[in-house]
Amino acid sequence: MTNIFSRRAILGSVAIILAATTTSFAAATDYEFQLVQSEVPHGPEVTVTVRLIDKRTAKPVPDAVIFSTRMDMAPEGMEAMTTPVEALPVTEAGIYAFKTNLSMEGGWRFKLAAKVQGETETVQGEMVLQAQP
């Protein structure tokens, strides 16, 4: 009877070790911000919409807490030219909208930082959009 108990204990320990070593944990690089539209009109009340996806499943990531945004004209060589960004209410899971003032036509860089539930690392994104006439 001791041998059976020992075999069970050993097999159980091996199963736990295997489960622990084969479990995959997500990293910040497993997530990606994507522009819903890469071309938007320029003007004082522009809505820029992004989606946050889990690249492993291609599914949207709901309930992320976006705590940092920056909109600037770095693509046009004017990184110092920034404009305020205001978060709008979430209406669809994984889709995040922002109101901003794109005062000039041309390329604008949109940088975001977010916390995803269950992840310790900060998810960051940088996208370039075009403000059209």
Protein backbone atom coordinates (compact mmCIF):
# COMPACT_ATOMS: atom_id res chain seq x y z
CA MET A 1 0.00 0.00 0.00
CA THR A 2 2.91 2.35 0.63
CA ASN A 3 4.10 1.87 -2.96
CA ILE A 4 0.71 2.84 -4.39
CA PHE A 5 0.58 5.97 -2.25
CA SER A 6 4.11 6.90 -3.24
CA ARG A 7 3.35 6.42 -6.95
CA ARG A 8 0.23 8.60 -6.65
CA ALA A 9 2.16 11.28 -4.81
CA ILE A 10 4.93 11.23 -7.39
CA LEU A 11 2.50 11.31 -10.33
CA GLY A 12 0.53 14.11 -8.71
CA SER A 13 3.70 16.13 -8.15
CA VAL A 14 4.81 15.61 -11.73
CA ALA A 15 1.38 16.70 -13.00
CA ILE A 16 1.54 19.89 -10.94
CA ILE A 17 5.05 20.68 -12.17
CA LEU A 18 4.04 20.09 -15.79
CA ALA A 19 0.96 22.28 -15.43
CA ALA A 20 3.00 25.06 -13.88
CA THR A 21 5.67 24.98 -16.56
CA THR A 22 3.31 24.77 -19.54
CA THR A 23 0.90 27.52 -18.46
CA SER A 24 1.36 30.53 -20.70
CA PHE A 25 1.14 33.96 -19.20
CA ALA A 26 0.30 37.00 -21.26
CA ALA A 27 2.70 39.88 -21.68
CA ALA A 28 2.13 43.47 -22.72
CA THR A 29 3.35 42.54 -26.20
CA ASP A 30 0.37 40.16 -26.55
CA TYR A 31 -1.92 43.18 -26.92
CA GLU A 32 -2.18 45.74 -29.68
CA PHE A 33 -3.96 49.02 -30.23
CA GLN A 34 -5.31 49.50 -33.76
CA LEU A 35 -6.89 52.54 -35.38
CA VAL A 36 -10.47 51.93 -36.50
CA GLN A 37 -9.92 54.63 -39.17
CA SER A 38 -6.45 55.78 -40.18
CA GLU A 39 -7.81 58.84 -42.03
CA VAL A 40 -9.98 61.40 -40.26
CA PRO A 41 -11.04 64.97 -41.07
CA HIS A 42 -9.04 67.74 -39.44
CA GLY A 43 -10.86 70.12 -37.13
CA PRO A 44 -11.69 71.01 -33.52
CA GLU A 45 -14.07 68.14 -32.69
CA VAL A 46 -12.50 65.03 -34.24
CA THR A 47 -13.27 61.58 -32.88
CA VAL A 48 -10.41 59.08 -33.04
CA THR A 49 -11.39 55.49 -32.36
CA VAL A 50 -9.07 52.60 -31.52
CA ARG A 51 -9.57 48.96 -30.71
CA LEU A 52 -7.48 46.98 -28.26
CA ILE A 53 -7.03 43.35 -29.24
CA ASP A 54 -5.41 40.30 -27.74
CA LYS A 55 -3.05 39.22 -30.55
CA ARG A 56 -3.15 35.59 -29.37
CA THR A 57 -6.90 35.30 -29.98
CA ALA A 58 -7.61 38.34 -32.22
CA LYS A 59 -10.47 39.21 -29.83
CA PRO A 60 -11.21 42.67 -28.45
CA VAL A 61 -10.08 43.43 -24.90
CA PRO A 62 -12.85 45.04 -22.84
CA ASP A 63 -12.49 47.09 -19.66
CA ALA A 64 -8.93 48.29 -20.19
CA VAL A 65 -8.04 51.35 -18.16
CA ILE A 66 -6.40 53.86 -20.48
CA PHE A 67 -4.46 56.20 -18.24
CA SER A 68 -2.16 58.03 -20.64
CA THR A 69 -2.74 59.57 -24.06
CA ARG A 70 -0.69 61.87 -26.26
CA MET A 71 -1.49 63.26 -29.69
CA ASP A 72 1.31 65.07 -31.53
CA MET A 73 2.57 65.81 -35.02
CA ALA A 74 5.80 63.81 -34.79
CA PRO A 75 5.24 62.26 -38.26
CA GLU A 76 5.49 65.77 -39.72
CA GLY A 77 8.64 66.61 -37.73
CA MET A 78 6.69 68.65 -35.17
CA GLU A 79 6.69 66.45 -32.06
CA ALA A 80 6.31 69.52 -29.82
CA MET A 81 2.94 70.30 -31.44
CA THR A 82 0.48 68.50 -29.20
CA THR A 83 -3.25 68.67 -28.68
CA PRO A 84 -5.47 67.58 -25.79
CA VAL A 85 -7.21 64.20 -25.93
CA GLU A 86 -10.46 63.50 -24.08
CA ALA A 87 -11.78 59.97 -23.54
CA LEU A 88 -15.37 59.39 -24.62
CA PRO A 89 -17.73 56.83 -23.03
CA VAL A 90 -17.18 53.23 -24.11
CA THR A 91 -20.10 51.93 -26.18
CA GLU A 92 -18.62 48.67 -27.47
CA ALA A 93 -16.32 46.16 -25.77
CA GLY A 94 -12.70 46.68 -26.78
CA ILE A 95 -13.41 49.91 -28.70
CA TYR A 96 -12.17 53.18 -27.20
CA ALA A 97 -13.04 56.62 -28.61
CA PHE A 98 -11.38 59.97 -27.98
CA LYS A 99 -12.21 63.55 -28.87
CA THR A 100 -9.36 65.78 -29.97
CA ASN A 101 -8.56 68.93 -31.93
CA LEU A 102 -6.58 68.13 -35.08
CA SER A 103 -5.91 71.74 -36.03
CA MET A 104 -3.71 70.94 -39.03
CA GLU A 105 -3.84 68.52 -41.92
CA GLY A 106 -1.15 65.86 -42.02
CA GLY A 107 0.23 63.04 -39.92
CA TRP A 108 -0.56 62.80 -36.21
CA ARG A 109 0.90 60.27 -33.78
CA PHE A 110 -1.43 58.87 -31.12
CA LYS A 111 0.27 57.24 -28.13
CA LEU A 112 -1.65 55.34 -25.44
CA ALA A 113 -0.87 53.43 -22.27
CA ALA A 114 -3.35 51.11 -20.59
CA LYS A 115 -3.77 48.54 -17.88
CA VAL A 116 -5.50 45.31 -18.85
CA GLN A 117 -7.27 43.35 -16.15
CA GLY A 118 -5.13 40.48 -14.88
CA GLU A 119 -1.90 41.78 -16.44
CA THR A 120 0.95 43.32 -14.48
CA GLU A 121 2.65 45.08 -17.39
CA THR A 122 1.44 48.27 -19.03
CA VAL A 123 0.15 47.89 -22.58
CA GLN A 124 1.43 50.68 -24.83
CA GLY A 125 0.53 51.63 -28.35
CA GLU A 126 1.62 54.13 -30.95
CA MET A 127 -0.33 54.74 -34.16
CA VAL A 128 -0.14 57.27 -36.97
CA LEU A 129 -3.28 58.74 -38.46
CA GLN A 130 -3.79 61.24 -41.25
CA ALA A 131 -5.89 64.38 -40.80
CA GLN A 132 -7.51 65.13 -44.15
CA PRO A 133 -9.06 68.36 -45.47
